[in-house]
Amino acid sequence: MKPLIYILGLIYTASGCAKLLGLGFELEAFARWGYPIYFMYFIGVCEVLGGLALIINILRHLAALGLSLLMCGALITHAINSEWVMLLVATIILVLTSWLTATLWKTVFKGAEKPEI
């Protein structure tokens, strides 16, 4: 499970950094979707903090849950805008993040010790 955690952490951190740096493709996407620029920066902060939390294991279970919810918004945005390839990519990331979330929270609800990850 560690490789998945690190891969997802890097994906979210890189995606968030692209938003925070105001890269052209992110600016164009948020404008195309009709979202304000401050929303792009907010999402970028959430992705960077969530990605780093996954990597360095600070409230990892909460970060995974938050990132799963964030990806639900991404799915809706890509579906509304008929961006089918990005919808597929976002769906794969959501499925992996949701699986990670369920695995991490299972130990919280059972009162067990943290899993070896």
Protein backbone atom coordinates (compact mmCIF):
# COMPACT_ATOMS: atom_id res chain seq x y z
CA MET A 1 0.00 0.00 0.00
CA LYS A 2 2.95 2.37 0.51
CA PRO A 3 3.63 2.76 -3.23
CA LEU A 4 -0.01 3.73 -3.82
CA ILE A 5 0.12 6.29 -1.01
CA TYR A 6 3.26 7.89 -2.40
CA ILE A 7 2.00 7.85 -6.00
CA LEU A 8 -1.30 9.47 -5.04
CA GLY A 9 0.52 11.93 -2.80
CA LEU A 10 2.74 12.97 -5.69
CA ILE A 11 -0.19 13.23 -8.11
CA TYR A 12 -2.14 15.50 -5.78
CA THR A 13 0.90 17.58 -4.83
CA ALA A 14 1.93 18.07 -8.46
CA SER A 15 -1.62 18.93 -9.52
CA GLY A 16 -1.95 21.41 -6.69
CA CYS A 17 1.40 23.02 -7.49
CA ALA A 18 0.31 23.52 -11.10
CA LYS A 19 -2.73 25.42 -9.83
CA LEU A 20 -0.78 27.45 -7.28
CA LEU A 21 1.80 28.41 -9.91
CA GLY A 22 -1.03 29.56 -12.17
CA LEU A 23 0.15 27.47 -15.11
CA GLY A 24 -1.55 28.36 -18.37
CA PHE A 25 -3.44 25.12 -18.83
CA GLU A 26 -4.92 25.41 -15.33
CA LEU A 27 -5.93 29.05 -15.86
CA GLU A 28 -7.55 28.10 -19.19
CA ALA A 29 -9.38 25.13 -17.67
CA PHE A 30 -10.86 27.06 -14.75
CA ALA A 31 -11.92 29.88 -17.10
CA ARG A 32 -13.50 27.35 -19.49
CA TRP A 33 -15.42 25.80 -16.58
CA GLY A 34 -16.59 29.22 -15.40
CA TYR A 35 -14.87 28.97 -12.01
CA PRO A 36 -13.28 32.06 -10.42
CA ILE A 37 -9.51 32.24 -10.14
CA TYR A 38 -9.58 32.17 -6.33
CA PHE A 39 -11.28 28.76 -6.53
CA MET A 40 -8.34 27.42 -8.53
CA TYR A 41 -5.96 28.56 -5.79
CA PHE A 42 -8.19 27.10 -3.07
CA ILE A 43 -8.26 23.73 -4.82
CA GLY A 44 -4.49 23.95 -5.31
CA VAL A 45 -3.92 24.50 -1.59
CA CYS A 46 -6.22 21.59 -0.74
CA GLU A 47 -4.40 19.29 -3.17
CA VAL A 48 -0.92 20.25 -1.98
CA LEU A 49 -1.79 19.94 1.72
CA GLY A 50 -3.65 16.68 1.13
CA GLY A 51 -0.89 15.21 -1.02
CA LEU A 52 1.79 16.12 1.49
CA ALA A 53 -0.33 14.75 4.35
CA LEU A 54 -0.53 11.42 2.52
CA ILE A 55 3.21 11.32 1.94
CA ILE A 56 4.38 12.31 5.42
CA ASN A 57 1.50 10.62 7.28
CA ILE A 58 0.00 13.63 9.04
CA LEU A 59 -3.68 12.82 9.54
CA ARG A 60 -3.42 10.59 6.48
CA HIS A 61 -6.93 9.14 6.93
CA LEU A 62 -8.49 12.62 6.98
CA ALA A 63 -6.42 13.74 3.99
CA ALA A 64 -7.52 10.70 1.99
CA LEU A 65 -11.17 11.41 2.81
CA GLY A 66 -10.86 15.08 1.86
CA LEU A 67 -9.10 14.26 -1.39
CA SER A 68 -11.80 11.71 -2.25
CA LEU A 69 -14.45 14.40 -1.79
CA LEU A 70 -12.38 16.81 -3.87
CA MET A 71 -12.22 14.25 -6.68
CA CYS A 72 -16.03 13.95 -6.66
CA GLY A 73 -16.11 17.62 -7.64
CA ALA A 74 -13.55 16.98 -10.36
CA LEU A 75 -15.70 14.15 -11.77
CA ILE A 76 -18.76 16.38 -11.88
CA THR A 77 -16.81 19.19 -13.56
CA HIS A 78 -15.35 16.91 -16.24
CA ALA A 79 -18.73 15.23 -16.87
CA ILE A 80 -20.60 18.55 -17.20
CA ASN A 81 -17.97 19.79 -19.65
CA SER A 82 -17.87 16.53 -21.67
CA GLU A 83 -14.15 16.03 -21.00
CA TRP A 84 -14.27 12.25 -21.31
CA VAL A 85 -10.55 11.47 -21.15
CA MET A 86 -10.09 13.64 -18.06
CA LEU A 87 -13.24 12.08 -16.60
CA LEU A 88 -11.66 8.65 -17.00
CA VAL A 89 -8.40 9.81 -15.38
CA ALA A 90 -10.27 11.47 -12.51
CA THR A 91 -12.38 8.34 -12.02
CA ILE A 92 -9.30 6.13 -11.71
CA ILE A 93 -7.74 8.54 -9.20
CA LEU A 94 -11.01 8.70 -7.24
CA VAL A 95 -11.33 4.90 -7.12
CA LEU A 96 -7.76 4.52 -5.85
CA THR A 97 -8.13 7.33 -3.33
CA SER A 98 -11.47 5.96 -2.12
CA TRP A 99 -9.99 2.50 -1.66
CA LEU A 100 -7.13 4.03 0.33
CA THR A 101 -9.64 6.03 2.40
CA ALA A 102 -11.69 2.93 3.22
CA THR A 103 -8.59 0.98 4.17
CA LEU A 104 -7.28 3.72 6.45
CA TRP A 105 -10.64 4.42 8.11
CA LYS A 106 -11.29 0.73 8.71
CA THR A 107 -8.57 0.75 11.34
CA VAL A 108 -9.94 3.96 12.91
CA PHE A 109 -13.45 2.51 13.31
CA LYS A 110 -12.18 -0.81 14.64
CA GLY A 111 -9.97 0.96 17.16
CA ALA A 112 -7.02 -0.98 15.85
CA GLU A 113 -3.49 0.30 15.60
CA LYS A 114 -2.39 2.04 12.43
CA PRO A 115 -1.84 -0.35 9.53
CA GLU A 116 1.73 -1.02 8.44
CA ILE A 117 1.92 1.50 5.62
